[in-house]
Structures are given as C-alpha cells and as structure tokens.
N, C-alpha and C. Protein backbone atom coordinates (compact mmCIF):
# COMPACT_ATOMS: atom_id res chain seq x y z
N THR A 1 -5.12 118.79 275.15
CA THR A 1 -6.39 119.18 275.93
C THR A 1 -6.10 120.45 276.68
N HIS A 2 -7.15 121.05 277.28
CA HIS A 2 -7.04 121.97 278.29
C HIS A 2 -5.93 121.68 279.36
N ALA A 3 -6.65 120.42 279.90
CA ALA A 3 -5.82 120.13 281.14
C ALA A 3 -4.40 120.05 281.05
N HIS A 4 -3.89 119.37 279.65
CA HIS A 4 -2.31 119.13 279.47
C HIS A 4 -1.88 120.47 279.24
N ALA A 5 -2.49 121.35 278.66
CA ALA A 5 -2.01 122.86 278.57
C ALA A 5 -1.61 123.34 280.01
N ALA A 6 -2.76 123.38 280.81
CA ALA A 6 -2.46 123.99 282.20
C ALA A 6 -1.62 123.13 282.83
N ALA A 7 -1.34 121.77 282.82
CA ALA A 7 -0.23 121.10 283.33
C ALA A 7 1.08 121.67 283.05
N LEU A 8 1.34 122.10 281.67
CA LEU A 8 2.45 122.49 281.20
C LEU A 8 2.93 123.77 281.73
N VAL A 9 1.85 124.78 281.78
CA VAL A 9 2.16 125.95 282.14
C VAL A 9 2.36 125.76 283.85
N ASN A 10 1.83 125.01 284.56
CA ASN A 10 2.41 124.78 286.08
C ASN A 10 3.69 124.31 286.17
N VAL A 11 4.09 123.61 285.16
CA VAL A 11 5.53 123.04 285.17
C VAL A 11 6.49 124.04 284.88
N MET A 12 6.11 124.75 284.01
CA MET A 12 7.01 125.90 283.52
C MET A 12 7.08 126.76 284.77
N ARG A 13 5.91 127.58 285.26
CA ARG A 13 5.78 127.99 286.26
C ARG A 13 6.70 127.71 287.66
N ASP A 14 6.66 126.26 287.86
CA ASP A 14 7.20 125.86 289.04
C ASP A 14 8.65 125.76 288.90
N TYR A 15 9.00 125.31 287.72
CA TYR A 15 10.34 125.04 287.65
C TYR A 15 11.62 125.81 286.89
N PHE A 16 10.67 126.94 286.18
CA PHE A 16 11.60 127.95 285.05
C PHE A 16 11.41 129.03 285.16
N THR A 17 10.66 129.64 286.63
CA THR A 17 10.69 131.10 286.91
C THR A 17 11.31 131.30 288.29
N ASP A 18 11.78 132.39 288.43
CA ASP A 18 12.03 132.72 289.71
C ASP A 18 10.91 133.05 290.68
N PRO A 19 11.07 132.53 291.92
CA PRO A 19 9.97 132.84 292.88
C PRO A 19 9.46 134.36 292.84
N PRO A 20 10.22 135.15 293.23
CA PRO A 20 9.84 136.76 293.24
C PRO A 20 8.82 137.09 291.82
N SER A 21 9.35 136.68 290.76
CA SER A 21 8.69 137.19 289.38
C SER A 21 7.23 136.34 289.35
N ILE A 22 7.19 135.26 290.07
CA ILE A 22 5.81 134.45 289.77
C ILE A 22 4.49 135.28 290.62
N ALA A 23 4.92 135.77 291.81
CA ALA A 23 4.03 136.21 292.44
C ALA A 23 2.70 137.09 291.90
N PRO A 24 3.41 137.97 291.06
CA PRO A 24 2.34 138.96 290.30
C PRO A 24 1.57 138.11 289.41
N ALA A 25 2.34 137.16 288.74
CA ALA A 25 1.52 136.35 287.71
C ALA A 25 0.54 135.33 288.23
N ILE A 26 0.59 134.83 289.50
CA ILE A 26 -0.29 134.28 290.27
C ILE A 26 -1.62 135.58 290.70
N CYS A 27 -1.21 136.55 291.11
CA CYS A 27 -1.81 137.34 291.60
C CYS A 27 -2.79 138.39 290.43
N GLY A 28 -1.97 138.39 289.08
CA GLY A 28 -2.94 138.61 288.14
C GLY A 28 -3.59 137.70 287.40
N GLY A 29 -3.31 136.44 287.52
CA GLY A 29 -4.26 135.70 286.74
C GLY A 29 -3.34 134.82 285.78
N ALA A 30 -3.66 134.16 284.75
CA ALA A 30 -3.08 133.34 283.92
C ALA A 30 -2.43 134.46 282.97
N SER A 31 -3.02 135.73 282.83
CA SER A 31 -2.25 136.33 281.67
C SER A 31 -1.20 137.09 282.13
N GLY A 32 -0.64 136.99 283.23
CA GLY A 32 0.73 137.48 283.51
C GLY A 32 1.75 136.68 283.42
N MET A 33 1.42 135.49 282.64
CA MET A 33 2.54 134.71 282.14
C MET A 33 2.36 134.46 280.68
N ARG A 34 3.53 134.36 279.94
CA ARG A 34 3.66 133.98 278.56
C ARG A 34 4.66 133.38 278.21
N VAL A 35 4.56 132.41 277.16
CA VAL A 35 5.72 131.73 276.70
C VAL A 35 6.28 132.18 275.54
N GLU A 36 7.45 132.63 275.69
CA GLU A 36 8.22 133.64 274.80
C GLU A 36 9.06 132.53 273.38
N CYS A 37 9.39 131.08 274.00
CA CYS A 37 9.86 130.39 272.95
C CYS A 37 9.67 128.96 273.66
N ILE A 38 9.70 127.73 272.78
CA ILE A 38 9.51 126.64 273.28
C ILE A 38 10.78 125.77 272.67
N TYR A 39 11.40 125.01 273.35
CA TYR A 39 12.51 124.43 272.92
C TYR A 39 12.06 122.64 272.90
N VAL A 40 12.03 121.83 272.13
CA VAL A 40 11.88 120.29 272.10
C VAL A 40 13.16 119.65 272.08
N TYR A 41 13.20 118.83 272.90
CA TYR A 41 14.77 118.05 272.91
C TYR A 41 14.17 116.52 272.56
N PRO A 42 14.41 116.06 271.65
CA PRO A 42 13.92 114.83 270.91
C PRO A 42 14.89 113.66 271.61
N ILE A 43 16.06 113.90 271.71
CA ILE A 43 16.87 112.62 272.32
C ILE A 43 17.68 113.56 273.62
N LYS A 44 17.30 112.66 274.94
CA LYS A 44 17.62 113.36 276.13
C LYS A 44 19.30 113.60 276.17
N SER A 45 19.53 114.23 276.80
CA SER A 45 20.99 114.99 276.93
C SER A 45 21.63 115.59 275.54
N CYS A 46 20.69 115.66 274.38
CA CYS A 46 21.50 116.29 273.28
C CYS A 46 20.57 117.57 272.99
N ALA A 47 21.27 118.39 272.05
CA ALA A 47 20.73 119.64 271.76
C ALA A 47 19.23 119.55 270.93
N GLY A 48 18.49 120.29 271.19
CA GLY A 48 16.84 120.34 270.95
C GLY A 48 17.02 121.23 269.82
N PHE A 49 15.80 121.95 269.58
CA PHE A 49 15.54 122.79 268.55
C PHE A 49 14.15 123.63 269.05
N GLN A 50 14.36 125.18 268.75
CA GLN A 50 13.20 125.97 268.89
C GLN A 50 11.98 125.73 267.97
N VAL A 51 10.71 126.06 268.56
CA VAL A 51 9.77 125.91 267.55
C VAL A 51 8.83 127.28 268.07
N ALA A 52 7.89 127.65 267.36
CA ALA A 52 6.87 128.59 267.75
C ALA A 52 5.94 128.12 268.19
N SER A 53 5.24 126.72 267.66
CA SER A 53 4.24 126.02 268.42
C SER A 53 4.36 124.83 268.32
N TRP A 54 4.14 123.80 268.96
CA TRP A 54 4.38 122.37 269.13
C TRP A 54 2.99 121.52 269.52
N PRO A 55 2.63 120.36 268.91
CA PRO A 55 1.45 119.69 269.50
C PRO A 55 1.79 119.26 270.93
N LEU A 56 0.65 118.93 271.64
CA LEU A 56 0.90 118.07 272.96
C LEU A 56 0.57 116.67 272.90
N SER A 57 1.24 115.80 273.78
CA SER A 57 0.68 114.46 273.86
C SER A 57 0.46 114.15 275.20
N PRO A 58 -0.21 113.09 275.66
CA PRO A 58 -0.47 112.83 277.03
C PRO A 58 0.70 112.84 278.03
N THR A 59 2.04 113.10 277.48
CA THR A 59 2.97 113.40 278.37
C THR A 59 3.57 114.39 278.63
N GLY A 60 2.99 115.53 277.62
CA GLY A 60 3.87 116.84 277.45
C GLY A 60 3.96 117.21 276.09
N LEU A 61 5.25 117.73 275.62
CA LEU A 61 5.46 118.04 274.15
C LEU A 61 5.81 116.72 273.43
N ALA A 62 5.12 116.79 272.14
CA ALA A 62 5.25 115.40 271.44
C ALA A 62 6.52 115.58 271.00
N PHE A 63 6.87 114.01 271.12
CA PHE A 63 8.26 113.79 270.86
C PHE A 63 9.43 114.51 271.55
N ASP A 64 9.36 114.79 272.79
CA ASP A 64 10.19 115.63 273.73
C ASP A 64 10.92 114.59 274.48
N ARG A 65 12.30 114.23 274.35
CA ARG A 65 12.93 113.34 275.46
C ARG A 65 12.10 111.74 275.01
N HIS A 66 11.82 111.59 273.79
CA HIS A 66 11.32 110.45 273.54
C HIS A 66 12.36 109.13 272.94
N TRP A 67 13.42 109.70 272.91
CA TRP A 67 14.86 108.81 272.33
C TRP A 67 15.89 109.37 273.32
N THR A 68 16.61 108.12 273.77
CA THR A 68 18.01 108.44 274.64
C THR A 68 18.83 107.24 274.20
N ILE A 69 20.24 107.82 274.42
CA ILE A 69 21.25 106.90 274.04
C ILE A 69 21.74 106.12 275.07
N VAL A 70 22.03 105.14 274.87
CA VAL A 70 22.30 104.05 275.92
C VAL A 70 23.64 103.17 275.69
N ASP A 71 24.21 102.92 276.91
CA ASP A 71 25.33 101.84 276.58
C ASP A 71 25.11 100.60 276.27
N ASP A 72 26.08 99.69 276.32
CA ASP A 72 25.86 98.40 276.22
C ASP A 72 25.06 97.52 277.12
N ARG A 73 24.76 98.23 278.64
CA ARG A 73 24.38 97.84 279.60
C ARG A 73 22.61 98.32 279.60
N GLY A 74 22.51 99.16 278.43
CA GLY A 74 21.21 99.88 278.60
C GLY A 74 20.96 100.81 279.42
N VAL A 75 21.95 101.70 279.88
CA VAL A 75 21.84 102.49 280.87
C VAL A 75 22.20 104.13 280.02
N ALA A 76 21.40 104.98 280.15
CA ALA A 76 21.17 106.26 279.60
C ALA A 76 22.53 106.86 279.52
N LEU A 77 23.13 107.71 278.55
CA LEU A 77 24.31 108.40 278.42
C LEU A 77 23.83 109.92 279.20
N SER A 78 24.63 110.55 279.49
CA SER A 78 24.31 112.00 279.91
C SER A 78 25.52 112.72 279.55
N GLN A 79 25.01 114.27 279.45
CA GLN A 79 25.88 115.49 279.02
C GLN A 79 26.87 115.42 280.29
N ARG A 80 26.49 115.15 281.60
CA ARG A 80 27.45 115.23 282.75
C ARG A 80 28.55 114.45 282.63
N LYS A 81 28.63 113.17 281.95
CA LYS A 81 29.62 112.37 281.97
C LYS A 81 30.38 112.58 280.44
N LEU A 82 29.64 112.98 279.71
CA LEU A 82 29.86 113.18 278.10
C LEU A 82 29.41 114.35 277.27
N PRO A 83 29.98 115.64 277.59
CA PRO A 83 29.52 116.76 277.14
C PRO A 83 29.67 117.20 275.73
N GLU A 84 30.18 116.09 274.76
CA GLU A 84 30.32 116.07 273.51
C GLU A 84 28.40 115.72 272.88
N MET A 85 27.87 115.17 273.87
CA MET A 85 26.45 115.00 273.40
C MET A 85 25.48 116.30 272.97
N SER A 86 26.13 117.29 273.47
CA SER A 86 25.61 118.56 273.28
C SER A 86 25.76 119.34 271.88
N LEU A 87 26.65 118.49 271.12
CA LEU A 87 26.93 118.52 269.70
C LEU A 87 25.83 118.07 268.89
N ILE A 88 25.26 116.91 269.39
CA ILE A 88 24.37 115.94 268.51
C ILE A 88 23.04 116.78 268.79
N ARG A 89 22.56 117.08 267.40
CA ARG A 89 21.20 118.15 267.36
C ARG A 89 20.22 117.18 266.64
N ALA A 90 18.94 117.16 267.30
CA ALA A 90 18.16 116.29 266.70
C ALA A 90 16.83 117.07 266.59
N GLU A 91 16.30 117.08 265.25
CA GLU A 91 15.10 117.87 265.05
C GLU A 91 13.73 117.20 264.41
N VAL A 92 12.85 117.07 265.21
CA VAL A 92 11.53 116.37 264.45
C VAL A 92 10.94 117.03 263.25
N ARG A 93 11.02 116.61 262.39
CA ARG A 93 9.95 116.70 261.33
C ARG A 93 8.67 116.33 261.15
N LEU A 94 7.89 117.08 261.48
CA LEU A 94 6.45 116.57 261.77
C LEU A 94 5.84 116.29 260.12
N PRO A 95 5.07 115.29 260.03
CA PRO A 95 4.17 114.67 258.81
C PRO A 95 3.24 115.89 258.46
N CYS A 96 3.83 116.36 257.15
CA CYS A 96 2.89 117.29 256.42
C CYS A 96 1.29 116.69 256.08
N SER A 97 1.02 115.52 255.84
CA SER A 97 -0.17 115.12 255.59
C SER A 97 0.17 113.88 255.72
N ASP A 98 -1.26 112.93 255.50
CA ASP A 98 -1.31 111.54 256.27
C ASP A 98 -0.52 110.66 254.99
N ASP A 99 0.16 111.17 253.91
CA ASP A 99 0.89 110.31 253.11
C ASP A 99 2.40 110.18 253.59
N LEU A 100 2.78 111.37 254.36
CA LEU A 100 4.41 111.29 254.92
C LEU A 100 4.16 110.92 256.31
N CYS A 101 5.30 110.32 256.86
CA CYS A 101 5.52 109.85 258.11
C CYS A 101 6.11 110.77 259.11
N GLY A 102 7.00 111.72 258.72
CA GLY A 102 7.68 112.55 259.51
C GLY A 102 8.97 112.01 259.58
N SER A 103 10.05 112.59 260.22
CA SER A 103 11.19 112.23 260.60
C SER A 103 11.95 112.76 261.37
N LEU A 104 12.96 112.19 262.07
CA LEU A 104 13.91 112.68 263.06
C LEU A 104 15.15 112.97 262.58
N LEU A 105 15.77 114.00 262.25
CA LEU A 105 16.99 114.37 261.30
C LEU A 105 18.05 114.72 262.47
N ILE A 106 18.95 113.88 262.36
CA ILE A 106 20.14 113.95 263.66
C ILE A 106 21.59 114.73 262.97
N THR A 107 21.97 115.35 263.34
CA THR A 107 23.49 116.05 262.93
C THR A 107 24.32 116.33 264.01
N ALA A 108 25.59 116.10 263.54
CA ALA A 108 26.85 116.21 264.43
C ALA A 108 27.84 116.59 263.73
N PRO A 109 28.78 117.46 264.28
CA PRO A 109 30.02 117.85 263.40
C PRO A 109 30.85 116.43 262.68
N ASN A 110 31.07 116.78 261.56
CA ASN A 110 32.15 115.60 260.72
C ASN A 110 31.48 114.27 260.58
N VAL A 111 30.21 114.34 260.62
CA VAL A 111 29.51 112.96 259.90
C VAL A 111 28.09 113.36 259.24
N ASP A 112 27.84 112.54 258.39
CA ASP A 112 26.83 112.87 257.53
C ASP A 112 25.59 112.61 258.34
N PRO A 113 24.32 113.41 258.08
CA PRO A 113 23.13 113.54 258.95
C PRO A 113 22.67 112.24 259.00
N LEU A 114 21.67 112.06 259.95
CA LEU A 114 21.10 110.75 260.04
C LEU A 114 19.51 111.18 260.00
N CYS A 115 19.08 110.39 259.37
CA CYS A 115 17.34 110.78 258.86
C CYS A 115 16.87 109.44 259.46
N LEU A 116 15.75 109.31 260.36
CA LEU A 116 14.89 108.29 260.79
C LEU A 116 13.37 108.63 260.81
N PRO A 117 12.81 107.54 259.97
CA PRO A 117 11.24 108.02 260.36
C PRO A 117 10.60 107.58 261.62
N LEU A 118 9.68 108.76 261.85
CA LEU A 118 8.89 108.74 263.05
C LEU A 118 8.00 107.84 263.29
N ASP A 119 7.56 106.96 262.16
CA ASP A 119 6.41 105.77 262.46
C ASP A 119 6.73 104.67 262.62
N GLY A 120 8.13 104.38 263.09
CA GLY A 120 8.67 102.99 263.44
C GLY A 120 10.26 103.32 263.74
N VAL A 121 10.77 102.04 264.06
CA VAL A 121 12.31 101.75 264.24
C VAL A 121 12.94 101.13 263.31
N VAL A 122 14.06 101.59 262.56
CA VAL A 122 14.58 100.81 261.67
C VAL A 122 15.12 99.69 262.18
N ASP A 123 15.08 98.43 261.58
CA ASP A 123 16.15 97.18 262.32
C ASP A 123 15.94 97.06 263.91
N ALA A 124 14.69 97.15 264.43
CA ALA A 124 14.42 97.21 265.72
C ALA A 124 14.83 95.84 266.50
N SER A 125 15.37 96.21 267.62
CA SER A 125 15.76 94.85 268.49
C SER A 125 14.39 94.78 269.09
N PRO A 126 14.21 93.45 269.82
CA PRO A 126 13.18 93.29 270.51
C PRO A 126 13.14 94.19 271.78
N LEU A 127 11.82 94.33 272.20
CA LEU A 127 11.48 95.29 273.39
C LEU A 127 12.44 94.79 274.54
N ARG A 128 12.85 96.05 275.40
CA ARG A 128 13.89 95.66 276.44
C ARG A 128 13.67 96.83 277.40
N PHE A 129 14.29 96.70 278.59
CA PHE A 129 14.16 97.73 279.51
C PHE A 129 15.41 98.56 279.41
N VAL A 130 15.55 99.74 279.35
CA VAL A 130 16.64 100.91 279.51
C VAL A 130 16.51 101.55 280.80
N THR A 131 17.46 101.85 281.36
CA THR A 131 17.80 102.87 282.61
C THR A 131 17.83 104.17 282.13
N VAL A 132 16.79 105.05 282.33
CA VAL A 132 16.81 106.44 282.34
C VAL A 132 16.78 107.36 283.69
N CYS A 133 17.84 107.90 284.06
CA CYS A 133 17.92 108.39 285.57
C CYS A 133 17.23 107.72 286.68
N GLY A 134 17.78 106.68 286.64
CA GLY A 134 17.21 105.66 287.79
C GLY A 134 16.18 104.66 287.33
N ASP A 135 15.16 105.29 286.44
CA ASP A 135 13.99 104.66 286.18
C ASP A 135 14.10 103.67 284.84
N ARG A 136 13.18 102.36 285.22
CA ARG A 136 13.34 101.42 283.91
C ARG A 136 12.19 101.94 282.84
N TRP A 137 12.29 101.98 281.69
CA TRP A 137 11.69 102.26 280.30
C TRP A 137 11.63 101.17 279.51
N ALA A 138 10.55 100.92 279.25
CA ALA A 138 10.60 99.99 278.04
C ALA A 138 10.88 100.42 276.60
N ALA A 139 11.79 99.85 276.00
CA ALA A 139 12.18 100.68 274.98
C ALA A 139 12.59 99.73 273.89
N VAL A 140 12.82 100.11 272.38
CA VAL A 140 13.44 99.44 271.35
C VAL A 140 14.67 99.99 271.19
N LEU A 141 15.68 99.31 270.84
CA LEU A 141 16.93 99.79 270.26
C LEU A 141 17.15 99.54 268.78
N TYR A 142 17.46 100.75 268.25
CA TYR A 142 17.75 100.89 266.62
C TYR A 142 18.77 100.12 266.25
N GLY A 143 19.04 99.69 264.90
CA GLY A 143 19.94 98.60 264.55
C GLY A 143 21.38 99.12 264.33
N GLU A 144 22.03 98.27 263.68
CA GLU A 144 23.42 98.60 263.73
C GLU A 144 24.00 99.71 262.94
N CYS A 145 23.44 100.10 261.79
CA CYS A 145 23.79 101.39 261.12
C CYS A 145 23.84 102.71 262.03
N THR A 146 22.40 102.77 262.65
CA THR A 146 22.25 103.88 263.64
C THR A 146 23.33 103.67 264.97
N SER A 147 23.68 102.60 265.35
CA SER A 147 24.16 102.40 266.59
C SER A 147 25.70 103.15 266.09
N ARG A 148 26.11 102.49 264.77
CA ARG A 148 27.52 102.96 264.39
C ARG A 148 27.71 104.62 264.17
N TRP A 149 26.42 104.99 263.87
CA TRP A 149 26.57 106.67 263.89
C TRP A 149 26.87 107.14 265.09
N PHE A 150 25.92 106.73 266.20
CA PHE A 150 26.02 107.59 267.31
C PHE A 150 27.47 106.88 268.17
N SER A 151 27.96 105.76 267.91
CA SER A 151 29.19 105.21 268.69
C SER A 151 30.29 105.81 267.80
N ARG A 152 30.47 106.54 266.36
CA ARG A 152 31.36 106.99 265.84
C ARG A 152 31.28 108.48 266.54
N VAL A 153 30.22 109.27 266.51
CA VAL A 153 30.41 110.47 267.42
C VAL A 153 30.54 110.60 268.88
N LEU A 154 30.27 109.55 269.83
CA LEU A 154 30.70 109.71 270.78
C LEU A 154 31.80 108.86 271.26
N ARG A 155 32.45 108.15 270.18
CA ARG A 155 33.98 107.38 270.27
C ARG A 155 33.68 106.38 271.23
N ARG A 156 32.49 105.79 271.49
CA ARG A 156 32.16 104.61 272.41
C ARG A 156 31.18 103.94 271.80
N PRO A 157 30.85 102.45 272.11
CA PRO A 157 29.69 101.60 271.72
C PRO A 157 28.65 102.28 272.39
N CYS A 158 27.48 102.58 271.66
CA CYS A 158 26.24 103.05 272.21
C CYS A 158 25.01 102.57 271.22
N PHE A 159 23.93 102.82 271.62
CA PHE A 159 22.72 102.54 270.89
C PHE A 159 21.74 103.75 270.99
N LEU A 160 20.91 103.99 270.00
CA LEU A 160 19.65 104.84 270.23
C LEU A 160 18.45 103.92 270.63
N ALA A 161 17.97 104.41 271.42
CA ALA A 161 16.87 103.73 272.18
C ALA A 161 15.56 104.76 272.02
N ARG A 162 14.26 104.13 271.68
CA ARG A 162 13.18 104.75 271.52
C ARG A 162 12.09 104.45 272.72
N SER A 163 11.49 105.34 273.23
CA SER A 163 10.70 104.80 274.40
C SER A 163 9.55 104.10 273.69
N HIS A 164 9.30 103.24 274.33
CA HIS A 164 7.89 102.58 273.94
C HIS A 164 6.73 102.81 274.39
N ALA A 165 6.79 103.04 275.81
CA ALA A 165 5.52 103.30 276.34
C ALA A 165 6.14 104.30 277.55
N PRO A 166 5.44 105.12 278.64
CA PRO A 166 5.76 105.76 279.89
C PRO A 166 6.19 104.57 280.86
N PRO A 167 7.22 105.27 281.66
CA PRO A 167 7.64 104.09 282.68
C PRO A 167 6.44 103.68 283.73
N PRO A 168 6.69 102.57 284.16
CA PRO A 168 5.47 101.93 285.05
C PRO A 168 5.21 102.82 286.21
N PRO A 169 4.20 103.12 286.79
CA PRO A 169 3.92 103.99 288.14
C PRO A 169 4.75 103.49 289.05
N PRO A 170 5.25 104.18 290.17
CA PRO A 170 6.02 103.87 291.36
C PRO A 170 5.21 102.72 292.16
N SER A 171 6.07 101.89 292.49
CA SER A 171 5.56 100.76 293.60
C SER A 171 4.59 101.58 294.68
N THR A 172 3.60 101.04 295.59
CA THR A 172 3.02 101.57 296.40
C THR A 172 3.06 100.75 297.64
N HIS A 173 3.95 99.66 297.48
CA HIS A 173 4.45 98.90 298.68
C HIS A 173 5.53 99.43 299.13
C-alpha cells in the first residue's frame, strides 16, 4: 500500500542517508530521493541478493529476514561472532503462477545448493520461540536434512528457523 511504501522511504531516509544530504530531499519534496537498488536478505546475517523491484508485505520487503539460523538453545547466530555466515547466500525465487510455490535457494562454498519451498517448512518442528537480537519470535525449525546442511557450512550444530509471525508488541507495564 502507499502507507507501506512511505514507511519504507522514511526508514531508508532515516537510516541509510547522511544527514547533510537529506535536507535538500526534504526541502525539495519526495522527488529529491530515489532508490538506486534494493537488496533482500532472506536469512538474517547471511548474504542477500539485489532486485530491481520487490513486493512489500505488512512488515516491509516480502521475505526479508524471514529466516534465521539458531543454535541448539534457539538463539540466533550472527556475523559478528560467525563471519563465515556472510558466505551463505539466500535468494528467494518468487512464484511465477498459482501453480508454483516459489523457493528459497541457499548456496555456500563447497556444498551442494539447498532449495526449500516458500509455501511451507519441510519436516517442521512444533512451533517454538527463538531469540533474535534479544526479542522472542514464534518460529518453526526446519528438519534434520536442512539442519545438517547449515551445521556442515558453519561447523557447529545449528538450525534454520522460519518466522511464524511478527514478535509480540512490547509490554506496556
């Protein structure tokens, strides 16, 4: 919707431009800014991919940071502690028609690619909470085959978790 697009522009302006260069854009109206490229990062802390255009969801770019890699305690792993996560590249292949579900293609050096359907979780765990940047998220964990792939690449036990819903709102108490 227009409101979602405006919110995205505000986030980009607030966090991805230098303060001196933003003043002319504000004074000159919205036409003073333009998006040169868009990157989507399907798996938090892993490499993303560039797109010319991309659908929006109620929370931002569709499928952006929709997945995360967690340890056996359900805590998200990050590039700060595991720089090799930057070698894992995830690309969403959107459905071409109603007959196709789309896929998440994941690649990394020295392993075969992993391709997962967008319309569900293969061999899913029951719904559980994972911790991402200190926030608790409802998620499902992918099964043994997917876990082995990520554990091999990162050389430690880990699991791919798919966000089930946005995190609960902060407590007002």
